[in-house]
């Protein structure tokens, strides 16, 4: 429809008090139920959406996925966890599935996991718990990854 071809401005909160605006064609996000409902504008209504529940960088990764169908391979565990939560929040099952695959690939690679910041494991543990039944297997895999790094993690006050 003509409405879905019109641009939508997302206003993203940045660190501090600044904001960033990203203009997206509504059609790019229309395949997701959350955005279909969000974009049910009345004629003359502002086509701006303030995003406060997802960081600006994670929202940019989400839009990258929407436009390319890919999750960037170089994303660290923390950002993958946050992206998975965003997929859950915005009812994007395909994004959630792909981020879980990427996360499992990271968890299975001991060399890469040694290089991941410890906060990434803590964020993943919280994210897997937050998504409920969809995250049950991922939660178990995260706990196993934590046990593999247990001695190192127990010496880290920030992780505890």
Protein backbone atom coordinates (compact mmCIF):
# COMPACT_ATOMS: atom_id res chain seq x y z
CA UNK A 1 0.00 0.00 0.00
CA UNK A 2 0.95 3.64 -0.34
CA UNK A 3 1.17 3.95 3.46
CA UNK A 4 3.83 1.22 3.75
CA UNK A 5 5.98 2.98 1.16
CA UNK A 6 6.18 6.11 3.30
CA UNK A 7 9.20 6.63 5.53
CA UNK A 8 9.15 6.28 9.30
CA UNK A 9 11.61 8.13 11.50
CA UNK A 10 12.98 6.19 14.46
CA UNK A 11 14.39 8.42 17.18
CA UNK A 12 17.06 6.52 19.11
CA UNK A 13 18.40 7.57 22.47
CA UNK A 14 22.18 7.78 22.48
CA UNK A 15 24.50 7.92 25.46
CA UNK A 16 24.05 11.12 27.37
CA UNK A 17 21.09 13.21 26.29
CA UNK A 18 21.60 13.07 22.53
CA UNK A 19 19.38 11.27 20.03
CA UNK A 20 19.89 9.88 16.55
CA UNK A 21 17.26 9.72 13.85
CA UNK A 22 17.09 6.86 11.37
CA UNK A 23 14.65 7.01 8.49
CA UNK A 24 13.31 3.65 7.31
CA UNK A 25 10.60 2.74 4.81
CA UNK A 26 7.78 1.12 6.73
CA UNK A 27 7.57 -1.64 4.11
CA UNK A 28 10.93 -3.01 5.27
CA UNK A 29 9.45 -3.85 8.67
CA UNK A 30 5.87 -4.69 7.66
CA UNK A 31 6.50 -8.44 7.65
CA UNK A 32 6.60 -8.34 11.44
CA UNK A 33 3.35 -8.18 13.38
CA UNK A 34 4.76 -5.79 16.01
CA UNK A 35 5.64 -3.20 13.38
CA UNK A 36 2.39 -3.70 11.44
CA UNK A 37 0.49 -2.67 14.56
CA UNK A 38 2.95 0.11 15.36
CA UNK A 39 2.59 1.57 11.87
CA UNK A 40 -1.20 1.81 11.87
CA UNK A 41 -1.13 5.59 11.57
CA UNK A 42 -4.03 7.93 11.20
CA UNK A 43 -3.89 10.37 8.31
CA UNK A 44 -1.76 13.36 9.22
CA UNK A 45 -0.34 11.64 12.30
CA UNK A 46 3.40 11.95 12.96
CA UNK A 47 5.39 9.07 11.52
CA UNK A 48 8.00 9.19 14.27
CA UNK A 49 8.75 6.42 16.73
CA UNK A 50 10.93 6.93 19.80
CA UNK A 51 12.93 3.80 20.62
CA UNK A 52 13.81 3.68 24.31
CA UNK A 53 13.78 -0.04 25.05
CA UNK A 54 16.71 -0.98 22.79
CA UNK A 55 20.11 0.70 22.47
CA UNK A 56 20.86 2.64 19.30
CA UNK A 57 23.60 0.20 18.23
CA UNK A 58 21.36 -2.85 18.73
CA UNK A 59 18.54 -1.17 16.80
CA UNK A 60 20.96 -0.48 13.94
CA UNK A 61 21.94 -4.18 13.95
CA UNK A 62 18.24 -5.08 13.92
CA UNK A 63 17.69 -2.87 10.87
CA UNK A 64 20.77 -4.37 9.20
CA UNK A 65 19.16 -7.78 9.67
CA UNK A 66 15.82 -6.57 8.29
CA UNK A 67 17.48 -5.25 5.14
CA UNK A 68 20.03 -8.05 4.55
CA UNK A 69 18.72 -11.13 6.34
CA UNK A 70 22.12 -11.43 8.04
CA UNK A 71 23.47 -10.98 11.54
CA UNK A 72 27.00 -9.65 11.40
CA UNK A 73 29.48 -12.40 12.27
CA UNK A 74 31.80 -10.16 14.26
CA UNK A 75 29.24 -9.16 16.88
CA UNK A 76 30.41 -9.95 20.41
CA UNK A 77 28.34 -12.08 22.75
CA UNK A 78 26.91 -9.06 24.60
CA UNK A 79 25.51 -7.48 21.43
CA UNK A 80 24.20 -10.81 20.15
CA UNK A 81 22.39 -11.28 23.46
CA UNK A 82 20.89 -7.79 23.25
CA UNK A 83 19.92 -8.37 19.61
CA UNK A 84 18.21 -11.64 20.56
CA UNK A 85 16.25 -9.78 23.26
CA UNK A 86 15.26 -7.12 20.72
CA UNK A 87 14.05 -9.86 18.38
CA UNK A 88 12.00 -11.26 21.24
CA UNK A 89 10.61 -7.83 22.19
CA UNK A 90 9.62 -7.02 18.59
CA UNK A 91 8.25 -10.52 17.83
CA UNK A 92 10.91 -11.26 15.20
CA UNK A 93 11.19 -15.04 15.43
CA UNK A 94 13.58 -15.28 12.47
CA UNK A 95 16.01 -12.82 14.06
CA UNK A 96 15.81 -14.68 17.37
CA UNK A 97 16.56 -17.99 15.65
CA UNK A 98 19.57 -16.61 13.79
CA UNK A 99 21.03 -14.89 16.85
CA UNK A 100 20.64 -18.14 18.84
CA UNK A 101 22.58 -19.97 16.12
CA UNK A 102 25.35 -17.35 16.21
CA UNK A 103 25.46 -17.49 20.01
CA UNK A 104 25.65 -21.31 20.01
CA UNK A 105 28.50 -21.13 17.49
CA UNK A 106 30.37 -18.80 19.84
CA UNK A 107 29.68 -20.93 22.90
CA UNK A 108 30.98 -24.03 21.09
CA UNK A 109 34.29 -22.37 20.19
CA UNK A 110 36.58 -22.42 23.25
CA UNK A 111 39.20 -20.18 21.64
CA UNK A 112 36.69 -17.48 20.75
CA UNK A 113 35.01 -17.75 24.16
CA UNK A 114 38.32 -17.04 25.93
CA UNK A 115 38.46 -13.74 24.02
CA UNK A 116 34.88 -12.72 24.81
CA UNK A 117 34.45 -10.19 27.61
CA UNK A 118 33.02 -11.82 30.73
CA UNK A 119 30.11 -9.38 30.72
CA UNK A 120 28.93 -11.11 27.56
CA UNK A 121 28.31 -14.35 29.45
CA UNK A 122 26.44 -12.49 32.18
CA UNK A 123 24.32 -10.67 29.57
CA UNK A 124 23.63 -13.96 27.79
CA UNK A 125 22.59 -15.64 31.02
CA UNK A 126 20.12 -12.82 31.71
CA UNK A 127 18.84 -12.79 28.11
CA UNK A 128 18.33 -16.56 27.94
CA UNK A 129 16.39 -16.39 31.21
CA UNK A 130 14.30 -13.46 30.01
CA UNK A 131 13.05 -15.11 26.83
CA UNK A 132 11.58 -18.04 28.75
CA UNK A 133 10.86 -21.34 27.02
CA UNK A 134 12.51 -20.17 23.77
CA UNK A 135 15.75 -19.75 25.70
CA UNK A 136 15.72 -22.94 27.79
CA UNK A 137 18.33 -24.81 25.74
CA UNK A 138 20.39 -21.66 25.34
CA UNK A 139 20.24 -21.10 29.09
CA UNK A 140 21.62 -24.60 29.66
CA UNK A 141 24.40 -24.03 27.11
CA UNK A 142 25.28 -20.71 28.73
CA UNK A 143 25.51 -22.30 32.18
CA UNK A 144 27.82 -24.97 30.71
CA UNK A 145 30.02 -22.25 29.16
CA UNK A 146 30.18 -20.49 32.53
CA UNK A 147 31.23 -23.71 34.26
CA UNK A 148 34.01 -24.15 31.72
CA UNK A 149 35.35 -20.71 32.72
CA UNK A 150 34.39 -21.08 36.39
CA UNK A 151 37.83 -20.59 38.01
CA UNK A 152 38.49 -17.45 35.99
CA UNK A 153 35.01 -16.05 36.52
CA UNK A 154 35.04 -16.62 40.27
CA UNK A 155 38.06 -14.34 40.58
CA UNK A 156 36.24 -11.55 38.74
CA UNK A 157 34.23 -9.30 41.07
CA UNK A 158 32.47 -7.61 38.12
CA UNK A 159 31.11 -10.95 36.93
CA UNK A 160 29.87 -11.91 40.38
